[in-house]
Amino acid sequence: MNDTLFGIGFSGKRVRQVRELMGMTQTAFAAKVGVSQGAIAQVEGAFKNASADLIQRIAMQSRRFRVAFFYNDPPIELSADSVMFRAKASMTRTDENEARRYTEVVCELAAVLLRRIKPLQFKLSQVTATDPRESARETRAILGIPSLEPIPHLLKEIEKSGVLVLSLPTELEGRDALSVWVDAIKMPVIALSRNRPGDRIRLSAGHELGHIALRHAKRLHAKEEKDAYEFSAELLLPEAAMRREMTPPVTLTTLAKLKSRWRMSLQALILRGQGLGIITDDQSADLYTQLSAKGWRKQEPVGIPEERPRLVRQLTEISYGQDWGGLADELGFERDFVQQILECYEAKTDSSAHRSKVVLLKKG
């Protein structure tokens, strides 16, 4: 291929998006595609156009996007200060950018599908309480969830609330989840890292839903993080239910039964019991010691099934059936990448139930 420059429409922003999605610095990325760091910096900053050969090499190295993908600016751009993370304090800027860019491209796929349906109602706009515990109780009431019962499938309830739940096709070490309001689709979004235990997914999703219900925006401070934890605890393990069911003496055996019923980890249950004064500090320390002795700090007994969101794949099935090539063509994604994304979502299991939903989702 010769070095004829692409004309109008080439996007340096796309190059940066892809590089950061790959978790690479300009220097590392430049070495991978065989040019200087300065050349990548000039292309990303729109100081210099990219040759057809360079774009071809970038597309080949990414293994996710076709050349056509680089012709237009990203329709969804999430600023660094707009994204709220549930992540370790040691998260680097590179780590943050990688998660943000994955969210952008998966949200771009979702946006194409959402254009085909009526706008979803954001039900949590009805939440008025500013206290996180009261806000969680309001959220249950608005979604029609009984106040003293477990939530069988949290992600489906969140989707029903008008929040777009994305499952990212990658394991983001130390970054379980993020939430952000996306102007391009006029919806709040929760993005979840792939391959997390079911109880951990629920904790992360509940925490991010707390940020949304409490209308937290941009960079978070300690109080907002604390409020989101309190919201999640009351949403997933309501105080009144815990006082009824977590009765002394609290042992690992009794907690294991609660874990199976409430689909939350033993450690989350211990922390909840301690926070409510049902478990004393000494009892909590003893329970944690027992967990460590049994090797259950890292892998607990009583596995909780992994939850997956449904909406994105449901809309794909409605528009494209099981042949996703048309969606890949429209986006400029490689077909394998579209498949990797959609495999993170729950597939259709009942055709009659699916057909009944099509009427609700099609534009009038």
Protein backbone atom coordinates (compact mmCIF):
# COMPACT_ATOMS: atom_id res chain seq x y z
CA MET A 1 0.00 0.00 0.00
CA ASN A 2 1.35 3.43 -0.86
CA ASP A 3 1.57 6.44 1.45
CA THR A 4 -1.30 8.42 -0.04
CA LEU A 5 -2.85 10.45 2.75
CA PHE A 6 -6.44 9.96 3.71
CA GLY A 7 -8.42 13.08 3.07
CA ILE A 8 -11.27 14.70 4.94
CA GLY A 9 -12.58 12.71 7.83
CA PHE A 10 -9.41 11.16 9.25
CA SER A 11 -9.45 11.38 13.07
CA GLY A 12 -6.43 11.66 15.30
CA LYS A 13 -8.83 11.28 18.23
CA ARG A 14 -9.56 7.76 17.05
CA VAL A 15 -5.86 6.90 17.11
CA ARG A 16 -5.58 8.13 20.69
CA GLN A 17 -8.76 6.28 21.67
CA VAL A 18 -7.43 3.01 20.27
CA ARG A 19 -3.98 3.47 21.80
CA GLU A 20 -5.42 4.16 25.25
CA LEU A 21 -7.88 1.30 24.91
CA MET A 22 -4.84 -0.92 24.36
CA GLY A 23 -3.35 0.44 27.60
CA MET A 24 -0.25 1.78 25.87
CA THR A 25 1.84 4.94 26.08
CA GLN A 26 2.64 6.83 22.89
CA THR A 27 6.20 5.44 23.01
CA ALA A 28 5.09 1.81 23.35
CA PHE A 29 2.37 2.23 20.74
CA ALA A 30 4.76 3.88 18.28
CA ALA A 31 7.21 0.99 18.66
CA LYS A 32 4.39 -1.48 18.02
CA VAL A 33 3.36 0.16 14.74
CA GLY A 34 6.91 0.99 13.67
CA VAL A 35 7.08 4.79 13.84
CA SER A 36 8.48 7.39 16.22
CA GLN A 37 6.69 8.62 19.33
CA GLY A 38 6.68 12.08 17.79
CA ALA A 39 4.83 10.82 14.74
CA ILE A 40 2.05 9.36 16.92
CA ALA A 41 1.88 12.56 18.97
CA GLN A 42 1.51 14.65 15.80
CA VAL A 43 -1.21 12.39 14.40
CA GLU A 44 -3.19 12.33 17.67
CA GLY A 45 -2.93 16.06 18.05
CA ALA A 46 -4.10 16.64 14.47
CA PHE A 47 -0.84 18.41 13.63
CA LYS A 48 -0.16 15.91 10.89
CA ASN A 49 -2.34 13.58 8.86
CA ALA A 50 -1.64 9.86 8.87
CA SER A 51 -0.64 7.90 5.82
CA ALA A 52 -2.84 5.11 4.55
CA ASP A 53 -0.03 2.70 5.42
CA LEU A 54 0.13 3.95 9.02
CA ILE A 55 -3.62 3.68 9.54
CA GLN A 56 -3.53 0.18 8.09
CA ARG A 57 -0.79 -0.79 10.53
CA ILE A 58 -2.65 0.76 13.48
CA ALA A 59 -5.82 -1.11 12.53
CA MET A 60 -3.91 -4.38 12.19
CA GLN A 61 -2.18 -3.94 15.55
CA SER A 62 -5.42 -3.11 17.34
CA ARG A 63 -7.09 -6.28 15.92
CA ARG A 64 -10.45 -4.75 16.83
CA PHE A 65 -11.09 -1.98 14.31
CA ARG A 66 -11.10 -1.60 10.55
CA VAL A 67 -9.49 1.23 8.63
CA ALA A 68 -12.91 2.87 8.15
CA PHE A 69 -13.20 3.26 11.93
CA PHE A 70 -10.49 5.94 11.84
CA TYR A 71 -12.27 8.23 9.39
CA ASN A 72 -14.53 10.01 11.89
CA ASP A 73 -14.19 11.38 15.38
CA PRO A 74 -15.60 9.27 18.23
CA PRO A 75 -19.31 10.05 18.71
CA ILE A 76 -18.92 9.36 22.44
CA GLU A 77 -16.07 10.95 24.40
CA LEU A 78 -15.93 10.63 28.18
CA SER A 79 -13.79 13.24 29.91
CA ALA A 80 -11.49 12.04 32.66
CA ASP A 81 -13.33 14.01 35.33
CA SER A 82 -16.80 12.73 34.36
CA VAL A 83 -16.20 9.06 35.15
CA MET A 84 -16.75 7.60 38.63
CA PHE A 85 -14.72 4.47 39.38
CA ARG A 86 -15.00 1.64 41.84
CA ALA A 87 -11.31 0.85 41.72
CA LYS A 88 -8.21 0.45 43.81
CA ALA A 89 -6.46 3.60 45.01
CA SER A 90 -3.36 2.46 43.10
CA MET A 91 -5.11 2.89 39.72
CA THR A 92 -2.82 4.74 37.31
CA ARG A 93 -3.82 7.24 34.65
CA THR A 94 -3.10 4.59 32.01
CA ASP A 95 -5.42 2.16 33.82
CA GLU A 96 -8.11 4.82 34.02
CA ASN A 97 -7.82 5.72 30.35
CA GLU A 98 -8.04 2.07 29.27
CA ALA A 99 -11.32 1.56 31.17
CA ARG A 100 -12.72 4.85 29.89
CA ARG A 101 -11.90 4.05 26.25
CA TYR A 102 -13.39 0.56 26.45
CA THR A 103 -16.54 2.13 27.84
CA GLU A 104 -16.64 4.62 24.96
CA VAL A 105 -16.47 2.01 22.20
CA VAL A 106 -18.93 -0.41 23.81
CA CYS A 107 -21.27 2.50 24.47
CA GLU A 108 -20.88 3.49 20.81
CA LEU A 109 -22.16 0.04 19.85
CA ALA A 110 -25.07 0.40 22.27
CA ALA A 111 -25.90 3.87 20.92
CA VAL A 112 -26.38 2.49 17.40
CA LEU A 113 -28.90 0.01 18.80
CA LEU A 114 -30.66 2.49 21.06
CA ARG A 115 -31.45 4.72 18.08
CA ARG A 116 -33.88 2.03 16.93
CA ILE A 117 -36.12 2.13 20.00
CA LYS A 118 -38.12 4.59 22.02
CA PRO A 119 -36.06 6.44 24.64
CA LEU A 120 -35.90 4.50 27.90
CA GLN A 121 -37.44 6.11 30.95
CA PHE A 122 -34.91 6.96 33.65
CA LYS A 123 -37.00 5.99 36.67
CA LEU A 124 -34.42 6.95 39.29
CA SER A 125 -35.04 10.62 38.53
CA GLN A 126 -37.95 10.09 40.93
CA VAL A 127 -35.58 9.46 43.85
CA THR A 128 -35.67 12.53 46.08
CA ALA A 129 -33.89 11.44 49.26
CA THR A 130 -30.35 12.67 49.82
CA ASP A 131 -29.67 10.26 52.69
CA PRO A 132 -28.12 7.17 51.05
CA ARG A 133 -30.11 4.65 53.09
CA GLU A 134 -33.43 6.37 52.43
CA SER A 135 -32.44 6.75 48.78
CA ALA A 136 -31.87 2.98 48.54
CA ARG A 137 -35.29 2.32 50.08
CA GLU A 138 -36.88 4.73 47.59
CA THR A 139 -35.08 2.97 44.75
CA ARG A 140 -36.52 -0.38 45.81
CA ALA A 141 -40.01 1.12 45.99
CA ILE A 142 -39.75 2.82 42.57
CA LEU A 143 -38.59 -0.43 40.96
CA GLY A 144 -41.29 -2.47 42.70
CA ILE A 145 -38.81 -4.56 44.70
CA PRO A 146 -40.16 -5.84 48.06
CA SER A 147 -38.49 -4.01 50.92
CA LEU A 148 -37.40 -7.11 52.87
CA GLU A 149 -36.55 -9.56 50.08
CA PRO A 150 -33.34 -10.26 48.10
CA ILE A 151 -33.02 -8.89 44.58
CA PRO A 152 -32.75 -12.05 42.42
CA HIS A 153 -31.16 -10.37 39.39
CA LEU A 154 -29.77 -6.96 40.20
CA LEU A 155 -28.52 -6.06 36.71
CA LYS A 156 -31.92 -6.64 35.15
CA GLU A 157 -33.52 -4.38 37.75
CA ILE A 158 -30.94 -1.69 37.02
CA GLU A 159 -31.69 -1.95 33.29
CA LYS A 160 -35.41 -1.61 34.04
CA SER A 161 -34.62 1.61 35.90
CA GLY A 162 -33.39 3.22 32.67
CA VAL A 163 -29.67 2.82 33.35
CA LEU A 164 -27.61 1.31 30.53
CA VAL A 165 -25.49 -1.54 31.90
CA LEU A 166 -22.41 -2.35 29.83
CA SER A 167 -20.22 -5.40 30.24
CA LEU A 168 -16.72 -4.67 28.96
CA PRO A 169 -15.02 -7.43 26.93
CA THR A 170 -11.85 -7.40 29.02
CA GLU A 171 -10.64 -8.04 32.54
CA LEU A 172 -9.63 -4.71 34.03
CA GLU A 173 -7.36 -5.55 36.93
CA GLY A 174 -8.22 -3.45 39.99
CA ARG A 175 -11.08 -1.70 38.18
CA ASP A 176 -14.36 -3.48 38.83
CA ALA A 177 -16.84 -0.86 37.64
CA LEU A 178 -17.48 2.72 36.67
CA SER A 179 -20.48 4.97 36.17
CA VAL A 180 -20.98 8.05 34.04
CA TRP A 181 -23.72 10.17 32.49
CA VAL A 182 -23.37 9.96 28.68
CA ASP A 183 -24.74 13.05 26.95
CA ALA A 184 -24.73 11.42 23.51
CA ILE A 185 -27.42 8.92 24.56
CA LYS A 186 -28.90 10.99 27.39
CA MET A 187 -28.58 8.10 29.82
CA PRO A 188 -26.56 7.10 32.85
CA VAL A 189 -24.22 4.18 32.23
CA ILE A 190 -22.69 1.54 34.50
CA ALA A 191 -19.78 -0.38 32.96
CA LEU A 192 -18.58 -3.62 34.54
CA SER A 193 -15.30 -5.44 34.10
CA ARG A 194 -15.49 -8.98 32.76
CA ASN A 195 -15.06 -12.21 34.74
CA ARG A 196 -15.89 -11.15 38.27
CA PRO A 197 -17.63 -13.40 40.83
CA GLY A 198 -21.39 -12.94 41.02
CA ASP A 199 -21.38 -11.43 44.52
CA ARG A 200 -18.65 -8.98 43.54
CA ILE A 201 -20.57 -7.90 40.44
CA ARG A 202 -23.62 -7.17 42.59
CA LEU A 203 -21.60 -5.15 45.09
CA SER A 204 -19.95 -3.11 42.33
CA ALA A 205 -23.20 -2.51 40.45
CA GLY A 206 -25.03 -1.50 43.63
CA HIS A 207 -22.26 0.92 44.50
CA GLU A 208 -22.33 2.58 41.08
CA LEU A 209 -26.12 2.73 41.14
CA GLY A 210 -25.74 4.65 44.40
CA HIS A 211 -23.65 7.30 42.66
CA ILE A 212 -26.37 7.63 40.02
CA ALA A 213 -29.36 7.70 42.39
CA LEU A 214 -27.60 10.21 44.66
CA ARG A 215 -26.71 12.33 41.62
CA HIS A 216 -22.99 12.33 42.24
CA ALA A 217 -21.11 14.00 39.43
CA LYS A 218 -17.54 14.10 38.25
CA ARG A 219 -14.65 13.43 40.61
CA LEU A 220 -15.63 11.83 43.89
CA HIS A 221 -14.58 12.67 47.41
CA ALA A 222 -14.49 10.41 50.47
CA LYS A 223 -18.01 11.35 51.58
CA GLU A 224 -19.54 10.48 48.21
CA GLU A 225 -17.77 7.12 48.20
CA LYS A 226 -19.03 6.44 51.73
CA ASP A 227 -22.57 7.39 50.71
CA ALA A 228 -22.44 5.03 47.72
CA TYR A 229 -21.33 2.17 49.99
CA GLU A 230 -24.19 2.92 52.40
CA PHE A 231 -26.67 3.02 49.51
CA SER A 232 -25.42 -0.32 48.18
CA ALA A 233 -25.54 -1.94 51.62
CA GLU A 234 -29.15 -0.85 52.23
CA LEU A 235 -30.21 -1.74 48.68
CA LEU A 236 -28.73 -5.23 48.73
CA LEU A 237 -28.89 -6.07 52.45
CA PRO A 238 -31.73 -3.99 53.93
CA GLU A 239 -31.33 -3.17 57.62
CA ALA A 240 -34.78 -4.42 58.63
CA ALA A 241 -34.21 -7.74 56.85
CA MET A 242 -30.76 -8.20 58.37
CA ARG A 243 -32.06 -7.55 61.88
CA ARG A 244 -34.72 -10.18 61.24
CA GLU A 245 -32.45 -12.80 59.66
CA MET A 246 -28.94 -12.25 61.04
CA THR A 247 -29.67 -13.53 64.53
CA PRO A 248 -27.01 -14.40 67.14
CA PRO A 249 -24.97 -16.43 67.39
CA VAL A 250 -23.61 -15.39 64.00
CA THR A 251 -21.29 -18.07 62.63
CA LEU A 252 -19.78 -18.81 59.23
CA THR A 253 -22.42 -21.50 58.83
CA THR A 254 -25.30 -19.09 59.41
CA LEU A 255 -23.63 -16.50 57.18
CA ALA A 256 -23.25 -19.09 54.40
CA LYS A 257 -27.03 -19.61 54.43
CA LEU A 258 -27.54 -15.86 54.22
CA LYS A 259 -25.03 -15.66 51.37
CA SER A 260 -26.99 -18.22 49.35
CA ARG A 261 -30.24 -16.32 49.95
CA TRP A 262 -29.00 -12.73 49.54
CA ARG A 263 -26.26 -13.41 46.96
CA MET A 264 -23.68 -11.34 48.78
CA SER A 265 -20.24 -12.40 49.98
CA LEU A 266 -19.51 -13.61 53.51
CA GLN A 267 -17.22 -10.62 53.96
CA ALA A 268 -19.94 -8.19 52.86
CA LEU A 269 -22.36 -9.83 55.30
CA ILE A 270 -19.86 -9.59 58.16
CA LEU A 271 -19.24 -5.93 57.36
CA ARG A 272 -22.98 -5.26 57.18
CA GLY A 273 -23.63 -7.01 60.48
CA GLN A 274 -20.81 -5.09 62.12
CA GLY A 275 -22.07 -1.78 60.74
CA LEU A 276 -25.55 -2.46 62.13
CA GLY A 277 -24.20 -3.51 65.53
CA ILE A 278 -25.49 -7.07 65.13
CA ILE A 279 -21.89 -8.33 65.14
CA THR A 280 -19.43 -6.82 67.61
CA ASP A 281 -15.95 -5.72 66.57
CA ASP A 282 -14.44 -8.70 68.41
CA GLN A 283 -16.85 -11.12 66.75
CA SER A 284 -16.08 -9.59 63.37
CA ALA A 285 -12.34 -9.99 63.92
CA ASP A 286 -12.88 -13.63 64.91
CA LEU A 287 -14.99 -14.33 61.82
CA TYR A 288 -12.36 -12.79 59.56
CA THR A 289 -9.69 -14.91 61.27
CA GLN A 290 -11.76 -18.01 60.53
CA LEU A 291 -12.12 -16.95 56.91
CA SER A 292 -8.35 -16.54 56.59
CA ALA A 293 -7.64 -19.88 58.26
CA LYS A 294 -9.93 -21.65 55.79
CA GLY A 295 -8.50 -19.78 52.81
CA TRP A 296 -11.86 -18.15 52.15
CA ARG A 297 -10.67 -14.55 51.97
CA LYS A 298 -9.78 -15.01 48.30
CA GLN A 299 -12.24 -17.73 47.31
CA GLU A 300 -15.34 -18.17 49.41
CA PRO A 301 -17.60 -21.23 49.52
CA VAL A 302 -21.17 -21.05 48.20
CA GLY A 303 -20.59 -19.69 44.70
CA ILE A 304 -22.92 -16.99 43.44
CA PRO A 305 -23.81 -17.25 39.73
CA GLU A 306 -22.41 -14.50 37.54
CA GLU A 307 -25.00 -11.95 36.48
CA ARG A 308 -24.89 -10.51 32.98
CA PRO A 309 -26.82 -7.57 31.57
CA ARG A 310 -29.29 -8.32 28.81
CA LEU A 311 -30.45 -5.18 26.98
CA VAL A 312 -27.56 -4.64 24.53
CA ARG A 313 -27.69 -8.21 23.24
CA GLN A 314 -31.49 -8.19 23.19
CA LEU A 315 -31.49 -5.13 20.93
CA THR A 316 -28.86 -6.77 18.71
CA GLU A 317 -30.99 -9.89 18.36
CA ILE A 318 -34.02 -7.77 17.46
CA SER A 319 -32.16 -5.79 14.78
CA TYR A 320 -29.69 -8.35 13.45
CA GLY A 321 -30.76 -11.79 14.68
CA GLN A 322 -27.70 -13.98 15.20
CA ASP A 323 -25.75 -12.51 12.26
CA TRP A 324 -23.87 -9.55 13.71
CA GLY A 325 -21.91 -8.74 10.58
CA GLY A 326 -24.16 -5.82 9.70
CA LEU A 327 -23.58 -4.24 13.10
CA ALA A 328 -19.82 -4.65 12.72
CA ASP A 329 -19.96 -3.05 9.26
CA GLU A 330 -21.94 -0.08 10.54
CA LEU A 331 -19.48 0.54 13.37
CA GLY A 332 -16.21 -0.23 11.58
CA PHE A 333 -15.45 -2.87 14.21
CA GLU A 334 -13.95 -6.23 13.37
CA ARG A 335 -16.59 -8.95 13.58
CA ASP A 336 -14.61 -10.88 16.19
CA PHE A 337 -14.62 -7.80 18.42
CA VAL A 338 -18.40 -7.41 18.13
CA GLN A 339 -18.72 -11.07 19.06
CA GLN A 340 -16.42 -10.60 22.08
CA ILE A 341 -18.58 -7.69 23.24
CA LEU A 342 -21.93 -9.43 22.80
CA GLU A 343 -20.78 -12.66 24.45
CA CYS A 344 -20.52 -10.66 27.68
CA TYR A 345 -24.33 -10.30 27.72
CA GLU A 346 -27.07 -12.74 28.52
CA ALA A 347 -28.32 -14.50 25.39
CA LYS A 348 -31.93 -15.12 24.44
CA THR A 349 -33.22 -18.17 26.32
CA ASP A 350 -36.96 -18.09 25.63
CA SER A 351 -38.16 -17.19 22.14
CA SER A 352 -41.75 -16.46 23.18
CA ALA A 353 -40.62 -14.08 25.91
CA HIS A 354 -38.32 -12.44 23.40
CA ARG A 355 -41.13 -11.92 20.90
CA SER A 356 -43.32 -10.29 23.51
CA LYS A 357 -40.61 -7.73 24.20
CA VAL A 358 -40.09 -6.78 20.56
CA VAL A 359 -43.40 -4.91 20.47
CA LEU A 360 -42.39 -2.89 23.50
CA LEU A 361 -39.00 -2.02 22.10
CA LYS A 362 -39.81 -1.10 18.52
CA LYS A 363 -40.40 2.53 17.71
CA GLY A 364 -44.05 3.42 17.42
